[in-house]
N, C-alpha and C. Protein backbone atom coordinates (compact mmCIF):
# COMPACT_ATOMS: atom_id res chain seq x y z
N MET A 1 132.68 112.65 98.95
CA MET A 1 131.81 113.44 98.12
C MET A 1 130.48 113.64 98.82
N ASN A 2 129.89 114.79 98.65
CA ASN A 2 128.63 115.12 99.29
C ASN A 2 127.50 115.13 98.28
N LEU A 3 126.29 114.92 98.77
CA LEU A 3 125.10 115.00 97.94
C LEU A 3 124.37 116.28 98.29
N ALA A 4 123.88 116.97 97.29
CA ALA A 4 123.18 118.23 97.54
C ALA A 4 121.78 118.16 96.96
N THR A 5 120.84 118.71 97.69
CA THR A 5 119.47 118.81 97.22
C THR A 5 118.94 120.18 97.60
N PHE A 6 117.93 120.62 96.91
CA PHE A 6 117.33 121.93 97.15
C PHE A 6 115.86 121.75 97.51
N ASN A 7 115.40 122.56 98.47
CA ASN A 7 113.98 122.58 98.81
C ASN A 7 113.60 124.02 99.17
N SER A 8 112.46 124.21 99.77
CA SER A 8 111.98 125.56 100.08
C SER A 8 112.86 126.28 101.11
N PHE A 9 113.65 125.52 101.88
CA PHE A 9 114.53 126.12 102.87
C PHE A 9 115.89 126.49 102.31
N GLY A 10 116.21 126.00 101.11
CA GLY A 10 117.49 126.29 100.48
C GLY A 10 118.23 125.01 100.14
N LYS A 11 119.56 125.11 100.06
CA LYS A 11 120.40 123.98 99.68
C LYS A 11 120.76 123.16 100.92
N ILE A 12 120.63 121.85 100.78
CA ILE A 12 120.98 120.93 101.86
C ILE A 12 122.07 120.00 101.33
N THR A 13 123.17 119.89 102.06
CA THR A 13 124.27 119.03 101.68
C THR A 13 124.42 117.93 102.72
N ILE A 14 124.44 116.68 102.24
CA ILE A 14 124.57 115.52 103.11
C ILE A 14 125.72 114.67 102.60
N SER A 15 126.59 114.24 103.48
CA SER A 15 127.72 113.42 103.04
C SER A 15 127.25 112.00 102.72
N LYS A 16 127.97 111.35 101.80
CA LYS A 16 127.68 109.96 101.47
C LYS A 16 127.87 109.07 102.70
N ARG A 17 128.81 109.45 103.55
CA ARG A 17 129.07 108.66 104.76
C ARG A 17 127.85 108.66 105.68
N ALA A 18 127.19 109.79 105.82
CA ALA A 18 125.99 109.86 106.66
C ALA A 18 124.87 109.01 106.08
N ILE A 19 124.70 109.08 104.76
CA ILE A 19 123.65 108.29 104.12
C ILE A 19 123.97 106.80 104.23
N SER A 20 125.24 106.44 104.07
CA SER A 20 125.60 105.02 104.17
C SER A 20 125.40 104.49 105.59
N LYS A 21 125.58 105.34 106.60
CA LYS A 21 125.33 104.90 107.97
C LYS A 21 123.84 104.65 108.21
N VAL A 22 122.99 105.51 107.66
CA VAL A 22 121.54 105.31 107.79
C VAL A 22 121.15 104.01 107.10
N ALA A 23 121.70 103.78 105.91
CA ALA A 23 121.40 102.55 105.17
C ALA A 23 121.90 101.32 105.94
N ALA A 24 123.10 101.41 106.51
CA ALA A 24 123.67 100.27 107.25
C ALA A 24 122.82 99.92 108.46
N VAL A 25 122.39 100.91 109.21
CA VAL A 25 121.54 100.65 110.38
C VAL A 25 120.22 100.04 109.95
N SER A 26 119.67 100.52 108.83
CA SER A 26 118.41 99.98 108.31
C SER A 26 118.56 98.50 107.96
N VAL A 27 119.69 98.12 107.37
CA VAL A 27 119.93 96.72 107.02
C VAL A 27 120.06 95.87 108.27
N LEU A 28 120.84 96.35 109.23
CA LEU A 28 121.11 95.56 110.43
C LEU A 28 119.87 95.35 111.30
N GLU A 29 118.86 96.21 111.14
CA GLU A 29 117.62 96.05 111.90
C GLU A 29 116.69 95.01 111.30
N CYS A 30 116.98 94.53 110.10
CA CYS A 30 116.12 93.55 109.45
C CYS A 30 116.39 92.15 110.01
N ALA A 31 115.32 91.41 110.21
CA ALA A 31 115.44 90.03 110.70
C ALA A 31 116.10 89.17 109.64
N GLY A 32 117.01 88.30 110.07
CA GLY A 32 117.68 87.40 109.15
C GLY A 32 119.02 87.91 108.66
N VAL A 33 119.44 89.10 109.09
CA VAL A 33 120.73 89.67 108.68
C VAL A 33 121.73 89.51 109.81
N VAL A 34 122.90 88.94 109.50
CA VAL A 34 123.96 88.81 110.47
C VAL A 34 124.82 90.06 110.49
N GLY A 35 125.14 90.58 109.30
CA GLY A 35 125.98 91.76 109.23
C GLY A 35 126.21 92.22 107.81
N LEU A 36 127.03 93.24 107.68
CA LEU A 36 127.43 93.80 106.39
C LEU A 36 128.90 93.48 106.14
N VAL A 37 129.28 93.39 104.89
CA VAL A 37 130.64 93.06 104.51
C VAL A 37 131.16 94.16 103.58
N PRO A 38 132.35 94.68 103.84
CA PRO A 38 132.90 95.68 102.92
C PRO A 38 133.06 95.10 101.53
N GLN A 39 132.66 95.86 100.54
CA GLN A 39 132.76 95.41 99.15
C GLN A 39 134.20 95.17 98.75
N ARG A 40 135.09 95.99 99.23
CA ARG A 40 136.49 95.94 98.84
C ARG A 40 137.12 94.59 99.13
N GLY A 41 136.64 93.91 100.17
CA GLY A 41 137.21 92.62 100.51
C GLY A 41 136.92 91.55 99.48
N PHE A 42 135.90 91.73 98.66
CA PHE A 42 135.51 90.72 97.70
C PHE A 42 135.83 91.08 96.26
N PHE A 43 135.88 92.37 95.96
CA PHE A 43 136.12 92.81 94.60
C PHE A 43 137.38 93.66 94.57
N LYS A 44 138.49 93.05 94.30
CA LYS A 44 139.78 93.73 94.31
C LYS A 44 139.84 94.78 93.21
N GLY A 45 140.57 95.84 93.48
CA GLY A 45 140.76 96.89 92.48
C GLY A 45 139.71 97.97 92.53
N ASP A 46 138.70 97.80 93.35
CA ASP A 46 137.66 98.83 93.44
C ASP A 46 138.11 99.88 94.44
N SER A 47 138.04 101.13 94.04
CA SER A 47 138.55 102.19 94.91
C SER A 47 137.43 103.08 95.44
N LEU A 48 136.23 102.54 95.56
CA LEU A 48 135.12 103.34 96.09
C LEU A 48 135.39 103.69 97.54
N ASP A 49 135.21 104.96 97.88
CA ASP A 49 135.55 105.40 99.23
C ASP A 49 134.47 105.12 100.25
N ASN A 50 133.26 104.80 99.83
CA ASN A 50 132.18 104.59 100.78
C ASN A 50 131.80 103.12 100.91
N SER A 51 132.71 102.22 100.55
CA SER A 51 132.38 100.80 100.61
C SER A 51 132.88 100.15 101.89
N ARG A 52 133.36 100.94 102.83
CA ARG A 52 133.92 100.38 104.07
C ARG A 52 132.91 99.59 104.87
N ASN A 53 131.68 100.06 104.92
CA ASN A 53 130.72 99.40 105.80
C ASN A 53 129.74 98.50 105.06
N GLY A 54 130.02 98.15 103.81
CA GLY A 54 129.14 97.26 103.08
C GLY A 54 128.03 97.96 102.35
N VAL A 55 128.08 99.28 102.25
CA VAL A 55 127.07 100.06 101.55
C VAL A 55 127.77 100.89 100.48
N VAL A 56 127.27 100.81 99.24
CA VAL A 56 127.83 101.59 98.14
C VAL A 56 126.72 102.47 97.58
N ILE A 57 127.00 103.77 97.51
CA ILE A 57 126.02 104.74 97.03
C ILE A 57 126.48 105.27 95.69
N THR A 58 125.59 105.24 94.70
CA THR A 58 125.85 105.79 93.39
C THR A 58 124.87 106.93 93.16
N VAL A 59 125.40 108.12 92.93
CA VAL A 59 124.56 109.30 92.74
C VAL A 59 124.14 109.39 91.28
N LEU A 60 122.86 109.61 91.07
CA LEU A 60 122.31 109.78 89.73
C LEU A 60 121.86 111.23 89.57
N GLU A 61 121.31 111.54 88.45
CA GLU A 61 120.81 112.91 88.20
C GLU A 61 119.49 113.15 88.93
N ASN A 62 119.13 114.41 89.06
CA ASN A 62 117.83 114.83 89.60
C ASN A 62 117.57 114.35 91.02
N ASP A 63 118.55 114.50 91.91
CA ASP A 63 118.39 114.13 93.32
C ASP A 63 117.99 112.67 93.51
N CYS A 64 118.57 111.77 92.73
CA CYS A 64 118.30 110.34 92.84
C CYS A 64 119.59 109.60 93.15
N MET A 65 119.45 108.41 93.71
CA MET A 65 120.61 107.58 93.99
C MET A 65 120.24 106.12 93.93
N ASN A 66 121.25 105.28 93.69
CA ASN A 66 121.14 103.83 93.81
C ASN A 66 122.01 103.42 94.99
N ILE A 67 121.56 102.40 95.71
CA ILE A 67 122.30 101.92 96.87
C ILE A 67 122.51 100.43 96.72
N GLY A 68 123.74 99.99 96.95
CA GLY A 68 124.06 98.57 96.96
C GLY A 68 124.50 98.16 98.36
N VAL A 69 123.97 97.06 98.86
CA VAL A 69 124.36 96.57 100.18
C VAL A 69 124.88 95.15 100.06
N TYR A 70 125.94 94.85 100.79
CA TYR A 70 126.60 93.55 100.77
C TYR A 70 126.40 92.92 102.14
N VAL A 71 125.53 91.89 102.20
CA VAL A 71 125.08 91.36 103.49
C VAL A 71 125.48 89.90 103.69
N VAL A 72 125.56 89.54 104.97
CA VAL A 72 125.68 88.16 105.40
C VAL A 72 124.35 87.82 106.06
N MET A 73 123.69 86.78 105.56
CA MET A 73 122.37 86.39 106.07
C MET A 73 122.48 85.19 106.98
N ARG A 74 121.49 85.05 107.83
CA ARG A 74 121.37 83.90 108.73
C ARG A 74 120.40 82.91 108.08
N HIS A 75 120.79 81.64 108.07
CA HIS A 75 119.89 80.59 107.55
C HIS A 75 118.94 80.22 108.68
N SER A 76 117.74 80.76 108.63
CA SER A 76 116.82 80.56 109.74
C SER A 76 115.46 80.05 109.29
N GLY A 77 115.37 79.51 108.10
CA GLY A 77 114.09 79.01 107.62
C GLY A 77 113.29 80.04 106.86
N VAL A 78 113.72 81.30 106.86
CA VAL A 78 113.05 82.36 106.11
C VAL A 78 113.75 82.47 104.77
N SER A 79 112.99 82.63 103.71
CA SER A 79 113.60 82.67 102.38
C SER A 79 114.47 83.92 102.20
N ALA A 80 115.52 83.76 101.42
CA ALA A 80 116.42 84.88 101.12
C ALA A 80 115.66 85.99 100.39
N GLN A 81 114.68 85.61 99.59
CA GLN A 81 113.87 86.61 98.87
C GLN A 81 113.10 87.50 99.85
N ALA A 82 112.53 86.90 100.87
CA ALA A 82 111.78 87.68 101.86
C ALA A 82 112.68 88.63 102.64
N VAL A 83 113.86 88.15 103.02
CA VAL A 83 114.81 88.99 103.74
C VAL A 83 115.29 90.13 102.83
N SER A 84 115.59 89.81 101.57
CA SER A 84 116.03 90.83 100.62
C SER A 84 114.97 91.90 100.40
N ASP A 85 113.71 91.48 100.28
CA ASP A 85 112.62 92.44 100.11
C ASP A 85 112.50 93.35 101.33
N SER A 86 112.65 92.78 102.51
CA SER A 86 112.60 93.56 103.75
C SER A 86 113.73 94.59 103.78
N ILE A 87 114.93 94.17 103.37
CA ILE A 87 116.07 95.08 103.34
C ILE A 87 115.81 96.22 102.37
N ARG A 88 115.33 95.89 101.16
CA ARG A 88 115.05 96.92 100.15
C ARG A 88 114.07 97.97 100.67
N GLN A 89 112.97 97.50 101.23
CA GLN A 89 111.94 98.41 101.72
C GLN A 89 112.45 99.29 102.86
N SER A 90 113.17 98.69 103.79
CA SER A 90 113.68 99.42 104.94
C SER A 90 114.69 100.48 104.54
N VAL A 91 115.66 100.10 103.69
CA VAL A 91 116.69 101.05 103.25
C VAL A 91 116.06 102.18 102.46
N LYS A 92 115.20 101.85 101.52
CA LYS A 92 114.56 102.88 100.68
C LYS A 92 113.78 103.87 101.55
N TYR A 93 112.95 103.36 102.44
CA TYR A 93 112.13 104.24 103.28
C TYR A 93 112.99 105.14 104.17
N ASN A 94 113.95 104.55 104.89
CA ASN A 94 114.74 105.32 105.85
C ASN A 94 115.66 106.33 105.19
N VAL A 95 116.29 105.97 104.08
CA VAL A 95 117.18 106.91 103.40
C VAL A 95 116.38 108.05 102.77
N GLU A 96 115.27 107.73 102.14
CA GLU A 96 114.44 108.80 101.54
C GLU A 96 113.92 109.75 102.61
N ARG A 97 113.53 109.20 103.74
CA ARG A 97 113.03 110.04 104.83
C ARG A 97 114.15 110.90 105.42
N PHE A 98 115.35 110.35 105.54
CA PHE A 98 116.48 111.07 106.11
C PHE A 98 117.01 112.13 105.14
N ALA A 99 117.25 111.75 103.89
CA ALA A 99 117.95 112.63 102.95
C ALA A 99 117.02 113.50 102.12
N GLY A 100 115.77 113.13 102.00
CA GLY A 100 114.86 113.89 101.16
C GLY A 100 115.18 113.73 99.68
N MET A 101 115.85 112.63 99.33
CA MET A 101 116.20 112.33 97.95
C MET A 101 115.57 110.99 97.58
N VAL A 102 115.39 110.77 96.29
CA VAL A 102 114.75 109.55 95.82
C VAL A 102 115.78 108.44 95.68
N VAL A 103 115.45 107.27 96.23
CA VAL A 103 116.28 106.08 96.04
C VAL A 103 115.61 105.27 94.95
N LYS A 104 116.27 105.20 93.78
CA LYS A 104 115.68 104.47 92.65
C LYS A 104 115.77 102.97 92.83
N GLU A 105 116.92 102.50 93.32
CA GLU A 105 117.12 101.06 93.43
C GLU A 105 117.98 100.74 94.64
N VAL A 106 117.62 99.65 95.32
CA VAL A 106 118.45 99.10 96.38
C VAL A 106 118.81 97.68 95.95
N ALA A 107 120.08 97.47 95.65
CA ALA A 107 120.57 96.16 95.22
C ALA A 107 121.13 95.43 96.44
N VAL A 108 120.59 94.25 96.71
CA VAL A 108 121.02 93.45 97.85
C VAL A 108 121.91 92.33 97.32
N HIS A 109 123.17 92.32 97.75
CA HIS A 109 124.12 91.30 97.34
C HIS A 109 124.36 90.39 98.55
N ILE A 110 123.97 89.13 98.44
CA ILE A 110 124.17 88.18 99.53
C ILE A 110 125.57 87.59 99.36
N VAL A 111 126.44 87.93 100.29
CA VAL A 111 127.84 87.53 100.22
C VAL A 111 128.07 86.18 100.89
N ASP A 112 127.35 85.91 101.98
CA ASP A 112 127.57 84.67 102.74
C ASP A 112 126.29 84.34 103.49
N VAL A 113 126.16 83.08 103.85
CA VAL A 113 125.03 82.61 104.67
C VAL A 113 125.61 81.86 105.85
N ARG A 114 125.18 82.23 107.04
CA ARG A 114 125.63 81.56 108.27
C ARG A 114 124.54 80.67 108.81
N LEU A 115 124.94 79.57 109.39
CA LEU A 115 123.98 78.64 109.96
C LEU A 115 123.71 78.95 111.40
């Protein structure tokens, strides 16, 4: 499924896959993150097509979206709250800048912690 937005140049269509890749790269650039985990591996019966890379995008009304990320964190002495806040800020900023759409919420799901 594609996301569409309108601006002074006309209609712009962006695939969910492209947005999920931008979100995934934003997460992986944050300190304290080991990787992303596909949601499907943990929640059986879910048929979301964009959950392959650990990013789930939910489209809302008025050019808005929610993003969920499923991460594996590194236990490095930094609090999980600080890493989660960094992920939220990075994903929100990069996706909004890339897509020109508003990200209402970024939900960070910590799936595992590695030592």
